[in-house]
Amino acid sequence: MSAFLQLRNLLQRRLDLIADHAFRDRDAAAHLEALKQVSEEIAAEHARLRAQLPPRLNHVLTQASFSKALEYLDNSEA
């Protein structure tokens, strides 16, 4: 899992941002930009790690099923 720690942290950060309704309500444009930024970081990390990823994890990331990817990482020894 340590090889994928950065990916796991990015996935968690994205979920935390989605859940941050106060941020969204206070500054919708900045909230959207933060979501866009973390999504781009996830995509870059996915591309960097693609050759090392277990097939199931690669699949859920390719499908942008980020909650499932986080669940996979939290429940496996990947």
C-alpha atoms as a PDB file:
ATOM      1  CA  MET A   1       0.000   0.000   0.000  1.00  0.00           C
ATOM      2  CA  SER A   2       2.896   2.365   0.680  1.00  0.00           C
ATOM      3  CA  ALA A   3       3.622   2.501  -3.067  1.00  0.00           C
ATOM      4  CA  PHE A   4       0.127   3.904  -3.558  1.00  0.00           C
ATOM      5  CA  LEU A   5      -0.027   6.202  -0.523  1.00  0.00           C
ATOM      6  CA  GLN A   6       0.032   9.411  -2.580  1.00  0.00           C
ATOM      7  CA  LEU A   7      -2.799   8.088  -4.760  1.00  0.00           C
ATOM      8  CA  ARG A   8      -4.802   7.133  -1.673  1.00  0.00           C
ATOM      9  CA  ASN A   9      -4.269  10.585  -0.145  1.00  0.00           C
ATOM     10  CA  LEU A  10      -5.386  12.312  -3.342  1.00  0.00           C
ATOM     11  CA  LEU A  11      -8.521  10.175  -3.520  1.00  0.00           C
ATOM     12  CA  GLN A  12      -9.326  10.991   0.097  1.00  0.00           C
ATOM     13  CA  ARG A  13      -8.690  14.698  -0.494  1.00  0.00           C
ATOM     14  CA  ARG A  14     -11.153  14.646  -3.400  1.00  0.00           C
ATOM     15  CA  LEU A  15     -13.853  13.034  -1.255  1.00  0.00           C
ATOM     16  CA  ASP A  16     -13.180  15.528   1.532  1.00  0.00           C
ATOM     17  CA  LEU A  17     -13.557  18.405  -0.924  1.00  0.00           C
ATOM     18  CA  ILE A  18     -16.827  17.021  -2.252  1.00  0.00           C
ATOM     19  CA  ALA A  19     -18.128  16.812   1.311  1.00  0.00           C
ATOM     20  CA  ASP A  20     -17.022  20.362   2.167  1.00  0.00           C
ATOM     21  CA  HIS A  21     -20.339  22.112   1.593  1.00  0.00           C
ATOM     22  CA  ALA A  22     -19.242  25.156   3.580  1.00  0.00           C
ATOM     23  CA  PHE A  23     -16.358  25.730   1.151  1.00  0.00           C
ATOM     24  CA  ARG A  24     -18.666  25.187  -1.821  1.00  0.00           C
ATOM     25  CA  ASP A  25     -21.289  27.585  -0.432  1.00  0.00           C
ATOM     26  CA  ARG A  26     -18.688  30.208   0.489  1.00  0.00           C
ATOM     27  CA  ASP A  27     -16.826  30.182  -2.856  1.00  0.00           C
ATOM     28  CA  ALA A  28     -18.274  27.903  -5.511  1.00  0.00           C
ATOM     29  CA  ALA A  29     -15.667  28.859  -8.118  1.00  0.00           C
ATOM     30  CA  ALA A  30     -12.729  28.115  -5.805  1.00  0.00           C
ATOM     31  CA  HIS A  31     -14.370  24.849  -4.723  1.00  0.00           C
ATOM     32  CA  LEU A  32     -14.768  23.778  -8.341  1.00  0.00           C
ATOM     33  CA  GLU A  33     -11.167  24.751  -9.084  1.00  0.00           C
ATOM     34  CA  ALA A  34      -9.935  22.728  -6.103  1.00  0.00           C
ATOM     35  CA  LEU A  35     -11.908  19.715  -7.328  1.00  0.00           C
ATOM     36  CA  LYS A  36     -10.481  20.148 -10.808  1.00  0.00           C
ATOM     37  CA  GLN A  37      -6.941  20.390  -9.434  1.00  0.00           C
ATOM     38  CA  VAL A  38      -7.164  17.259  -7.297  1.00  0.00           C
ATOM     39  CA  SER A  39      -8.788  15.351 -10.171  1.00  0.00           C
ATOM     40  CA  GLU A  40      -5.870  16.318 -12.421  1.00  0.00           C
ATOM     41  CA  GLU A  41      -3.433  15.179  -9.719  1.00  0.00           C
ATOM     42  CA  ILE A  42      -5.272  11.848  -9.466  1.00  0.00           C
ATOM     43  CA  ALA A  43      -5.071  11.420 -13.242  1.00  0.00           C
ATOM     44  CA  ALA A  44      -1.341  12.172 -13.212  1.00  0.00           C
ATOM     45  CA  GLU A  45      -0.714   9.746 -10.355  1.00  0.00           C
ATOM     46  CA  HIS A  46      -2.788   7.091 -12.127  1.00  0.00           C
ATOM     47  CA  ALA A  47      -0.717   7.539 -15.278  1.00  0.00           C
ATOM     48  CA  ARG A  48       2.534   7.367 -13.282  1.00  0.00           C
ATOM     49  CA  LEU A  49       1.507   4.184 -11.489  1.00  0.00           C
ATOM     50  CA  ARG A  50      -0.463   2.482 -14.269  1.00  0.00           C
ATOM     51  CA  ALA A  51       2.097  -0.283 -14.906  1.00  0.00           C
ATOM     52  CA  GLN A  52       2.209  -1.207 -11.198  1.00  0.00           C
ATOM     53  CA  LEU A  53      -1.503  -1.125 -10.464  1.00  0.00           C
ATOM     54  CA  PRO A  54      -3.523  -4.260  -9.866  1.00  0.00           C
ATOM     55  CA  PRO A  55      -5.973  -4.721 -12.771  1.00  0.00           C
ATOM     56  CA  ARG A  56      -9.074  -4.025 -10.646  1.00  0.00           C
ATOM     57  CA  LEU A  57      -7.642  -0.780  -9.275  1.00  0.00           C
ATOM     58  CA  ASN A  58      -6.574   0.322 -12.744  1.00  0.00           C
ATOM     59  CA  HIS A  59     -10.088  -0.389 -14.005  1.00  0.00           C
ATOM     60  CA  VAL A  60     -11.884   1.656 -11.337  1.00  0.00           C
ATOM     61  CA  LEU A  61      -9.478   4.550 -11.815  1.00  0.00           C
ATOM     62  CA  THR A  62      -9.928   4.420 -15.594  1.00  0.00           C
ATOM     63  CA  GLN A  63     -13.688   4.584 -15.021  1.00  0.00           C
ATOM     64  CA  ALA A  64     -13.195   7.513 -12.593  1.00  0.00           C
ATOM     65  CA  SER A  65     -14.823   5.491  -9.817  1.00  0.00           C
ATOM     66  CA  PHE A  66     -12.715   7.267  -7.246  1.00  0.00           C
ATOM     67  CA  SER A  67     -14.731   6.131  -4.210  1.00  0.00           C
ATOM     68  CA  LYS A  68     -14.318   2.519  -5.310  1.00  0.00           C
ATOM     69  CA  ALA A  69     -10.596   3.086  -5.855  1.00  0.00           C
ATOM     70  CA  LEU A  70     -10.229   4.464  -2.337  1.00  0.00           C
ATOM     71  CA  GLU A  71     -12.226   1.550  -0.942  1.00  0.00           C
ATOM     72  CA  TYR A  72      -9.991  -0.868  -2.839  1.00  0.00           C
ATOM     73  CA  LEU A  73      -6.852   0.720  -1.432  1.00  0.00           C
ATOM     74  CA  ASP A  74      -8.245   0.791   2.090  1.00  0.00           C
ATOM     75  CA  ASN A  75      -9.271  -2.867   1.950  1.00  0.00           C
ATOM     76  CA  SER A  76      -6.287  -4.424   0.235  1.00  0.00           C
ATOM     77  CA  GLU A  77      -2.600  -4.905   0.582  1.00  0.00           C
ATOM     78  CA  ALA A  78      -2.019  -3.169  -2.789  1.00  0.00           C
END
